[in-house]
């Protein structure tokens, strides 16, 4: 899944984890802002939302639709991330569950 230009060495497992951590922080910021907007407009706060895939590919901008409460429940464990099927990398994570079109993976790096 992770593609590397020919002139760059492959990313280290630590760097792959950093990419995933960055996407999780971005998703959390979006979730928090979304909650504010939905509350201001008296909308359902748990309506599914398109979170970014939290895979190692720094260029991936694919979305995963799930409820904000489910996203938060998954991330109560800081080593769990949500990815699209096929975006997992066995060298940095293992699949622990599959739900409604996305994977839940545990990072071990």
Protein backbone atom coordinates (compact mmCIF):
# COMPACT_ATOMS: atom_id res chain seq x y z
CA UNK A 1 0.00 0.00 0.00
CA UNK A 2 2.67 2.50 0.92
CA UNK A 3 4.41 3.70 -2.20
CA UNK A 4 7.87 5.21 -2.14
CA UNK A 5 9.33 7.29 -4.97
CA UNK A 6 12.37 5.52 -6.50
CA UNK A 7 14.80 8.13 -5.11
CA UNK A 8 13.67 7.70 -1.47
CA UNK A 9 14.38 4.78 0.84
CA UNK A 10 11.38 2.85 2.20
CA UNK A 11 9.85 4.34 5.33
CA UNK A 12 10.90 2.86 8.64
CA UNK A 13 8.26 1.26 10.87
CA UNK A 14 8.59 4.25 13.21
CA UNK A 15 7.88 6.65 10.32
CA UNK A 16 4.89 4.58 9.24
CA UNK A 17 3.50 4.85 12.79
CA UNK A 18 4.07 8.62 12.77
CA UNK A 19 1.99 8.90 9.58
CA UNK A 20 -0.84 6.96 11.24
CA UNK A 21 -0.64 9.05 14.42
CA UNK A 22 -0.87 12.22 12.32
CA UNK A 23 -4.05 11.01 10.59
CA UNK A 24 -5.58 10.09 13.95
CA UNK A 25 -4.88 13.59 15.30
CA UNK A 26 -6.45 15.10 12.17
CA UNK A 27 -9.54 12.89 12.55
CA UNK A 28 -9.89 13.84 16.22
CA UNK A 29 -9.71 17.54 15.38
CA UNK A 30 -12.37 17.09 12.68
CA UNK A 31 -14.58 15.07 15.05
CA UNK A 32 -14.37 17.76 17.72
CA UNK A 33 -15.19 20.55 15.25
CA UNK A 34 -18.00 18.47 13.74
CA UNK A 35 -19.54 18.04 17.20
CA UNK A 36 -19.52 21.82 17.70
CA UNK A 37 -21.17 22.46 14.32
CA UNK A 38 -23.79 19.76 14.80
CA UNK A 39 -24.63 21.03 18.26
CA UNK A 40 -24.96 24.61 16.99
CA UNK A 41 -27.38 23.43 14.29
CA UNK A 42 -29.27 20.99 16.53
CA UNK A 43 -28.21 18.02 14.38
CA UNK A 44 -27.66 14.40 15.40
CA UNK A 45 -24.15 14.37 16.91
CA UNK A 46 -23.66 10.69 16.04
CA UNK A 47 -24.63 10.79 12.36
CA UNK A 48 -21.93 8.86 10.43
CA UNK A 49 -19.04 10.96 9.21
CA UNK A 50 -16.24 10.36 6.68
CA UNK A 51 -13.09 9.98 8.77
CA UNK A 52 -9.73 9.69 7.02
CA UNK A 53 -8.21 6.24 6.67
CA UNK A 54 -5.47 6.00 9.31
CA UNK A 55 -3.12 3.85 7.24
CA UNK A 56 0.63 4.33 6.87
CA UNK A 57 0.39 5.83 3.37
CA UNK A 58 1.02 9.55 3.83
CA UNK A 59 -0.75 10.21 0.51
CA UNK A 60 -3.94 8.30 1.38
CA UNK A 61 -6.97 10.58 1.71
CA UNK A 62 -9.67 7.91 1.42
CA UNK A 63 -12.58 8.15 3.84
CA UNK A 64 -14.26 5.70 6.21
CA UNK A 65 -17.85 6.41 7.24
CA UNK A 66 -18.62 5.62 10.86
CA UNK A 67 -20.35 7.17 13.83
CA UNK A 68 -18.25 9.57 15.91
CA UNK A 69 -19.08 7.58 19.06
CA UNK A 70 -17.75 4.38 17.44
CA UNK A 71 -14.60 6.19 16.32
CA UNK A 72 -14.07 7.41 19.88
CA UNK A 73 -14.72 3.94 21.34
CA UNK A 74 -12.08 2.40 19.05
CA UNK A 75 -9.53 5.05 20.01
CA UNK A 76 -9.95 4.54 23.74
CA UNK A 77 -7.10 2.13 23.13
CA UNK A 78 -4.25 4.33 21.82
CA UNK A 79 -2.85 1.46 19.74
CA UNK A 80 -6.03 0.91 17.70
CA UNK A 81 -6.61 2.61 14.35
CA UNK A 82 -9.22 2.44 11.57
CA UNK A 83 -8.13 1.53 8.05
CA UNK A 84 -9.70 0.55 4.78
CA UNK A 85 -9.30 -3.12 3.85
CA UNK A 86 -6.07 -3.64 1.94
CA UNK A 87 -4.35 -0.67 3.59
CA UNK A 88 -2.91 -2.69 6.49
CA UNK A 89 0.82 -3.41 6.73
CA UNK A 90 1.78 -6.58 8.63
CA UNK A 91 5.17 -5.11 9.54
CA UNK A 92 3.57 -2.45 11.79
CA UNK A 93 0.05 -3.67 12.67
CA UNK A 94 -2.28 -6.61 13.00
CA UNK A 95 -5.98 -6.73 12.18
CA UNK A 96 -8.07 -7.23 15.33
CA UNK A 97 -11.54 -6.75 13.83
CA UNK A 98 -13.44 -5.88 10.66
CA UNK A 99 -16.63 -3.84 10.72
CA UNK A 100 -18.88 -2.43 8.01
CA UNK A 101 -16.21 -1.80 5.37
CA UNK A 102 -13.25 -0.92 7.56
CA UNK A 103 -10.60 -2.65 9.63
CA UNK A 104 -9.56 -2.06 13.20
CA UNK A 105 -5.84 -2.65 13.58
CA UNK A 106 -3.47 -2.73 16.51
CA UNK A 107 -0.12 -1.04 16.00
CA UNK A 108 2.86 -2.78 17.52
CA UNK A 109 5.53 -0.28 16.49
